């Protein structure tokens, strides 16, 4: 089961995902994002050292380092 969070503003459920991307300089980095549906790269738990916050204007969840 993917980690999910419900938006306080809209009531919509978002699921946490991760993806490894290659930056322009050639460096690899893991990114985290929330999506409205559960996809194959969904995560089961929050990554270590992160917490979930919500954008006050849009209601979208985001990860922030503790």
Protein backbone atom coordinates (compact mmCIF):
# COMPACT_ATOMS: atom_id res chain seq x y z
CA UNK A 1 0.00 0.00 0.00
CA UNK A 2 1.41 3.36 -1.03
CA UNK A 3 1.90 6.19 1.45
CA UNK A 4 -1.00 8.61 1.08
CA UNK A 5 -2.05 11.96 2.50
CA UNK A 6 -5.37 13.77 2.26
CA UNK A 7 -5.42 17.46 1.38
CA UNK A 8 -7.03 19.59 4.08
CA UNK A 9 -8.13 22.15 1.50
CA UNK A 10 -9.67 19.92 -1.21
CA UNK A 11 -10.11 16.57 0.57
CA UNK A 12 -8.38 14.79 -2.32
CA UNK A 13 -5.99 11.90 -1.61
CA UNK A 14 -2.41 12.07 -2.95
CA UNK A 15 0.13 9.22 -3.13
CA UNK A 16 3.89 9.56 -2.62
CA UNK A 17 6.22 8.48 -5.46
CA UNK A 18 9.97 8.59 -6.11
CA UNK A 19 12.02 8.70 -9.28
CA UNK A 20 15.74 8.72 -10.11
CA UNK A 21 16.56 11.46 -12.62
CA UNK A 22 19.74 12.53 -14.38
CA UNK A 23 20.48 16.24 -14.12
CA UNK A 24 21.99 18.38 -16.87
CA UNK A 25 25.50 18.10 -15.37
CA UNK A 26 25.27 14.31 -15.42
CA UNK A 27 24.61 13.94 -11.68
CA UNK A 28 21.88 11.52 -10.60
CA UNK A 29 19.32 12.56 -8.01
CA UNK A 30 16.22 11.00 -6.47
CA UNK A 31 13.11 13.16 -6.53
CA UNK A 32 9.91 12.71 -4.53
CA UNK A 33 6.47 13.81 -5.69
CA UNK A 34 2.79 13.34 -4.93
CA UNK A 35 0.28 12.22 -7.56
CA UNK A 36 -3.48 11.84 -7.50
CA UNK A 37 -3.27 8.17 -8.52
CA UNK A 38 -1.13 5.24 -7.40
CA UNK A 39 1.59 4.40 -9.95
CA UNK A 40 4.20 1.60 -10.13
CA UNK A 41 6.94 3.71 -8.46
CA UNK A 42 4.81 4.51 -5.37
CA UNK A 43 6.52 4.47 -1.97
CA UNK A 44 5.23 2.62 1.10
CA UNK A 45 6.60 5.11 3.65
CA UNK A 46 8.05 8.58 4.03
CA UNK A 47 11.79 8.80 3.36
CA UNK A 48 13.98 9.19 6.44
CA UNK A 49 14.34 12.81 7.60
CA UNK A 50 11.35 14.24 5.71
CA UNK A 51 7.91 15.49 6.75
CA UNK A 52 4.78 16.34 4.76
CA UNK A 53 3.59 19.94 4.51
CA UNK A 54 0.72 21.40 2.50
CA UNK A 55 0.89 24.42 0.20
CA UNK A 56 -1.52 26.92 1.77
CA UNK A 57 -2.60 28.40 -1.57
CA UNK A 58 -3.06 25.25 -3.68
CA UNK A 59 -3.57 22.55 -1.03
CA UNK A 60 -0.97 20.28 -2.67
CA UNK A 61 1.21 18.20 -0.35
CA UNK A 62 5.01 18.54 -0.48
CA UNK A 63 7.98 16.96 1.30
CA UNK A 64 10.23 19.08 3.48
CA UNK A 65 13.42 18.09 5.29
CA UNK A 66 13.00 18.02 9.07
